[in-house]
Protein backbone atom coordinates (compact mmCIF):
# COMPACT_ATOMS: atom_id res chain seq x y z
CA MET A 1 -30.48 1.91 -22.60
CA ILE A 2 -30.45 0.81 -18.98
CA ASP A 3 -32.39 2.43 -16.17
CA ILE A 4 -30.05 3.10 -13.33
CA TYR A 5 -32.94 3.36 -10.87
CA SER A 6 -34.21 -0.18 -11.46
CA LEU A 7 -31.02 -2.04 -10.57
CA ASP A 8 -29.22 -2.98 -7.30
CA ILE A 9 -26.82 -0.13 -6.50
CA GLU A 10 -24.21 -2.40 -4.94
CA LYS A 11 -23.97 -4.58 -8.03
CA LEU A 12 -24.37 -1.61 -10.36
CA TYR A 13 -21.27 0.19 -9.24
CA ALA A 14 -18.98 -2.72 -8.35
CA SER A 15 -15.46 -2.55 -9.84
CA THR A 16 -14.98 -3.84 -13.38
CA ASP A 17 -11.27 -4.65 -12.79
CA LEU A 18 -10.61 -3.33 -16.35
CA SER A 19 -8.43 -0.44 -17.37
CA PRO A 20 -10.21 2.68 -18.50
CA HIS A 21 -9.13 1.84 -22.12
CA MET A 22 -10.79 -1.60 -22.00
CA GLU A 23 -13.91 -0.07 -20.38
CA ASP A 24 -14.17 2.27 -23.33
CA TYR A 25 -14.16 -0.73 -25.69
CA ILE A 26 -16.91 -2.59 -23.69
CA GLU A 27 -19.02 0.62 -23.51
CA THR A 28 -18.55 1.26 -27.27
CA ILE A 29 -19.56 -2.35 -28.14
CA ALA A 30 -22.69 -2.02 -25.93
CA ILE A 31 -23.68 1.32 -27.50
CA LEU A 32 -23.13 0.02 -31.05
CA ALA A 33 -25.03 -3.23 -30.42
CA GLU A 34 -28.00 -1.29 -29.09
CA ASN A 35 -28.05 1.06 -32.06
CA ASN A 36 -26.96 -1.32 -34.95
CA LYS A 37 -27.60 -4.85 -33.59
CA VAL A 38 -24.33 -5.84 -35.43
CA VAL A 39 -20.93 -4.65 -34.30
CA ARG A 40 -17.86 -4.70 -36.50
CA VAL A 41 -14.25 -3.66 -35.95
CA LYS A 42 -14.63 -0.77 -38.33
CA ASP A 43 -17.60 0.56 -36.36
CA ILE A 44 -15.63 0.56 -33.13
CA ALA A 45 -12.61 2.18 -34.82
CA ALA A 46 -14.83 4.87 -36.29
CA LEU A 47 -16.56 5.65 -33.02
CA LEU A 48 -13.43 5.74 -30.98
CA LYS A 49 -11.46 7.43 -33.73
CA ILE A 50 -8.62 4.91 -33.67
CA LYS A 51 -7.06 2.52 -36.23
CA MET A 52 -8.57 -0.92 -36.82
CA PRO A 53 -5.40 -2.95 -35.80
CA SER A 54 -5.60 -1.26 -32.27
CA VAL A 55 -9.23 -2.31 -32.05
CA THR A 56 -8.39 -5.88 -33.08
CA SER A 57 -5.68 -6.04 -30.45
CA ALA A 58 -8.04 -4.84 -27.71
CA LEU A 59 -10.76 -7.26 -28.85
CA ASN A 60 -8.43 -10.16 -28.52
CA LYS A 61 -7.75 -9.20 -24.92
CA LEU A 62 -11.46 -8.87 -24.27
CA LYS A 63 -12.01 -12.31 -25.84
CA GLU A 64 -9.34 -13.80 -23.58
CA LEU A 65 -11.24 -12.33 -20.62
CA GLU A 66 -14.48 -13.96 -21.95
CA LEU A 67 -16.19 -10.61 -22.20
CA ILE A 68 -16.93 -10.85 -25.87
CA ASP A 69 -17.49 -13.43 -28.58
CA TYR A 70 -15.39 -12.50 -31.59
CA GLU A 71 -13.77 -14.22 -34.58
CA LYS A 72 -11.45 -12.37 -36.98
CA TYR A 73 -13.49 -10.62 -39.66
CA GLY A 74 -16.70 -11.48 -37.75
CA TYR A 75 -19.17 -9.64 -35.65
CA ILE A 76 -18.54 -8.76 -32.05
CA GLU A 77 -21.02 -9.67 -29.29
CA LEU A 78 -20.79 -9.13 -25.51
CA THR A 79 -21.02 -12.30 -23.48
CA GLU A 80 -23.15 -12.33 -20.34
CA LYS A 81 -20.09 -11.43 -18.29
CA GLY A 82 -19.39 -8.64 -20.83
CA ARG A 83 -22.99 -7.27 -20.50
CA VAL A 84 -22.60 -7.08 -16.71
CA ILE A 85 -19.41 -5.02 -17.16
CA SER A 86 -21.00 -2.78 -19.84
CA ASN A 87 -23.93 -2.12 -17.50
CA ARG A 88 -21.56 -1.00 -14.79
CA VAL A 89 -19.72 1.32 -17.11
CA LEU A 90 -22.89 2.67 -18.78
CA SER A 91 -24.49 3.14 -15.30
CA ARG A 92 -21.58 5.25 -14.10
CA HIS A 93 -21.84 7.38 -17.21
CA LEU A 94 -25.58 7.88 -16.84
CA CYS A 95 -25.38 8.58 -13.19
CA LEU A 96 -22.69 11.21 -13.66
CA LYS A 97 -24.46 12.74 -16.68
CA GLU A 98 -27.73 13.03 -14.76
CA PHE A 99 -25.86 14.48 -11.75
CA PHE A 100 -24.22 17.18 -13.91
CA SER A 101 -27.35 18.05 -15.79
CA ARG A 102 -30.04 17.86 -13.10
CA VAL A 103 -28.17 18.78 -9.96
CA LEU A 104 -25.38 21.02 -11.24
CA ASN A 105 -27.63 22.35 -14.03
CA MET A 106 -24.93 22.07 -16.70
CA PRO A 107 -25.93 22.04 -20.39
CA GLU A 108 -26.60 18.59 -21.92
CA SER A 109 -23.45 18.60 -24.15
CA GLN A 110 -21.14 19.57 -21.19
CA SER A 111 -22.83 17.02 -18.91
CA GLU A 112 -22.10 14.32 -21.50
CA ALA A 113 -18.45 15.45 -22.00
CA GLU A 114 -17.78 15.57 -18.29
CA ALA A 115 -19.34 12.18 -17.61
CA CYS A 116 -17.08 10.71 -20.40
CA LYS A 117 -13.96 12.14 -18.79
CA ILE A 118 -14.82 10.95 -15.25
CA GLU A 119 -16.72 7.63 -15.66
CA HIS A 120 -13.59 5.42 -15.86
CA HIS A 121 -11.76 7.06 -13.02
CA ILE A 122 -14.38 7.59 -10.34
CA ASN A 123 -14.33 5.35 -7.23
CA PRO A 124 -17.38 2.95 -7.20
CA GLU A 125 -18.23 4.20 -3.70
CA THR A 126 -18.36 7.79 -4.86
CA CYS A 127 -20.68 6.82 -7.74
CA LYS A 128 -22.97 4.98 -5.29
CA ARG A 129 -23.23 8.10 -3.13
CA ILE A 130 -23.98 10.30 -6.17
CA HIS A 131 -26.70 7.80 -7.15
CA LYS A 132 -28.21 7.86 -3.64
CA LEU A 133 -28.24 11.67 -3.81
CA LEU A 134 -30.10 11.48 -7.18
CA ILE A 135 -32.62 9.11 -5.60
CA TYR A 136 -33.13 11.54 -2.74
CA ILE A 137 -33.55 14.51 -5.13
CA ASN A 138 -36.05 12.55 -7.15
CA SER A 139 -38.02 11.71 -4.00
CA GLU A 140 -38.10 15.33 -2.98
CA GLU A 141 -39.28 16.61 -6.24
CA SER A 142 -41.49 19.25 -4.61
CA ARG A 143 -38.50 20.85 -2.95
CA LYS A 144 -36.13 20.38 -5.90
CA GLU A 145 -36.36 23.92 -7.24
CA GLU A 146 -35.73 25.54 -3.88
CA TRP A 147 -32.78 23.16 -3.29
CA LEU A 148 -31.25 23.84 -6.69
CA LYS A 149 -31.57 27.61 -6.22
CA TYR A 150 -29.68 27.29 -2.99
CA LEU A 151 -27.04 25.13 -4.59
CA ASN A 152 -26.54 27.60 -7.50
CA ARG A 153 -26.02 30.52 -5.14
């Protein structure tokens, strides 16, 4: 998985210019590739809970955009351009999840669910600001508890 604190914030949260639907596919391919090393249409369909013809149609669009390498009945791989996009989507997800869990003190499962709902719709500038807040909170670790108590009141 990527470390959101080791990358350039400006590049990290730049727009992907993809629809939320296409971002979901890119994110799913990245997650499957990290876990399985090989990504197939059926794996994407299973994870997203959609039918294989829908996945194939989306993959053809992503191939046209040069975000994936894919041949019918073959494996799917992100191109370098696709990896840049997947890093942006995954970074938004991780940033939001960390914000919900560490700052708002929400349970892990709820943080994950909320991040999934918001990650494709949040303005990049908003995510940059949340990221900077997380950096500040991390730098002020000694005052974190006091600050969180105040926030929770």
